Protein backbone atom coordinates (compact mmCIF):
# COMPACT_ATOMS: atom_id res chain seq x y z
CA MET A 1 -1.43 -132.01 83.82
CA SER A 2 -4.42 -134.34 82.74
CA LYS A 3 -6.26 -135.74 85.62
CA LYS A 4 -5.92 -139.14 84.18
CA ILE A 5 -2.16 -138.80 83.47
CA GLU A 6 -1.84 -137.60 87.05
CA ALA A 7 -3.54 -140.39 88.51
CA ALA A 8 -1.62 -143.03 86.33
CA THR A 9 1.53 -141.42 87.65
CA LYS A 10 0.53 -141.70 91.38
CA ARG A 11 -0.30 -145.34 90.45
CA LEU A 12 3.03 -145.92 88.77
CA THR A 13 4.84 -144.22 91.73
CA LYS A 14 3.09 -146.25 94.35
CA ALA A 15 3.82 -149.45 92.69
CA ILE A 16 7.68 -148.49 92.29
CA LYS A 17 7.81 -147.44 95.97
CA LYS A 18 5.91 -150.75 97.13
CA HIS A 19 8.42 -152.64 95.04
CA SER A 20 11.42 -151.05 96.40
CA GLU A 21 10.23 -151.63 99.98
CA VAL A 22 9.61 -155.44 99.22
CA VAL A 23 13.02 -156.09 97.45
CA GLY A 24 14.86 -153.71 100.15
CA ALA A 25 13.79 -155.62 103.08
CA SER A 26 15.94 -157.71 105.13
CA SER A 27 14.34 -160.95 103.92
CA VAL A 28 12.88 -161.12 100.32
CA THR A 29 10.59 -163.56 99.08
CA LEU A 30 10.53 -164.41 95.32
CA LYS A 31 6.40 -164.30 95.36
CA LYS A 32 6.19 -160.73 97.13
CA ALA A 33 8.99 -159.44 94.46
CA GLN A 34 7.34 -161.16 91.51
CA ARG A 35 3.85 -159.55 92.50
CA ALA A 36 5.30 -156.12 93.21
CA ALA A 37 6.98 -156.06 89.72
CA VAL A 38 3.74 -157.10 88.11
CA GLU A 39 2.16 -154.22 89.68
CA ILE A 40 4.85 -151.72 88.23
CA GLN A 41 4.37 -153.43 84.81
CA GLU A 42 0.58 -152.85 84.78
CA ALA A 43 0.92 -149.54 86.12
CA ALA A 44 3.61 -148.59 83.51
CA ILE A 45 1.26 -149.94 80.71
CA ALA A 46 -1.77 -148.15 82.02
CA TYR A 47 0.39 -144.89 82.09
CA ALA A 48 1.88 -145.38 78.73
CA LEU A 49 -1.63 -146.13 77.21
CA ILE A 50 -3.08 -142.89 79.06
CA VAL A 51 -0.44 -140.82 77.46
CA GLN A 52 -0.65 -142.15 74.14
CA GLU A 53 -4.35 -141.75 74.21
CA LYS A 54 -4.11 -138.00 75.13
CA THR A 55 -0.89 -136.98 73.40
CA GLY A 56 -0.41 -139.62 70.54
CA ILE A 57 3.19 -139.80 71.90
CA GLU A 58 4.45 -143.53 71.87
CA THR A 59 5.20 -145.25 75.26
CA PRO A 60 8.28 -144.22 77.12
CA PHE A 61 8.60 -148.01 78.07
CA PRO A 62 9.21 -149.75 74.69
CA ASN A 63 10.34 -152.92 76.14
CA LEU A 64 7.07 -153.43 78.18
CA TRP A 65 5.29 -154.83 75.10
CA ASN A 66 7.54 -157.63 74.61
CA SER A 67 4.74 -160.06 74.92
CA GLY A 68 6.06 -162.26 72.29
CA LEU A 69 3.46 -161.10 69.39
CA GLU A 70 5.07 -159.74 66.48
CA ALA A 71 5.00 -155.86 66.04
CA SER A 72 2.39 -156.03 63.23
CA THR A 73 0.06 -157.93 65.45
CA ILE A 74 0.52 -155.59 68.41
CA THR A 75 0.01 -152.58 66.04
CA SER A 76 -3.30 -154.33 64.81
CA LEU A 77 -4.69 -155.16 68.32
CA ILE A 78 -3.90 -151.23 69.17
CA SER A 79 -5.59 -150.10 66.06
CA GLU A 80 -8.71 -152.33 66.77
CA ARG A 81 -8.82 -150.98 70.46
CA ASP A 82 -8.53 -147.50 69.51
CA ALA A 83 -11.56 -147.83 66.92
CA LEU A 84 -13.48 -149.46 69.54
CA VAL A 85 -12.79 -146.57 71.95
CA LYS A 86 -13.66 -144.00 69.17
CA LYS A 87 -16.85 -145.92 68.45
CA SER A 88 -18.05 -146.02 71.99
CA GLY A 89 -16.98 -142.46 72.46
CA SER A 90 -19.14 -141.29 69.70
CA LYS A 91 -22.25 -143.14 70.75
CA ASN A 92 -22.06 -141.35 74.22
CA LYS A 93 -22.03 -138.14 72.58
């Protein structure tokens, strides 16, 4: 397994475990639950981006991208990001 994918998997697993501990406690505070949920979302997005970068396979979490932006805008932003990554990668060689 790729080291980046493995690290992202560990981060996502840790975030899910933390969330389950927070919401499974005898008293649940909304603020802690929301914070733990955001950690899951951030870890899932990071995982999806790393998988896409490594394999070209689209995200296994399609609903995470529901940012209110149109699909064409998201596609454009992803293309711009990929071009910048590619450009910075070629400078480092």
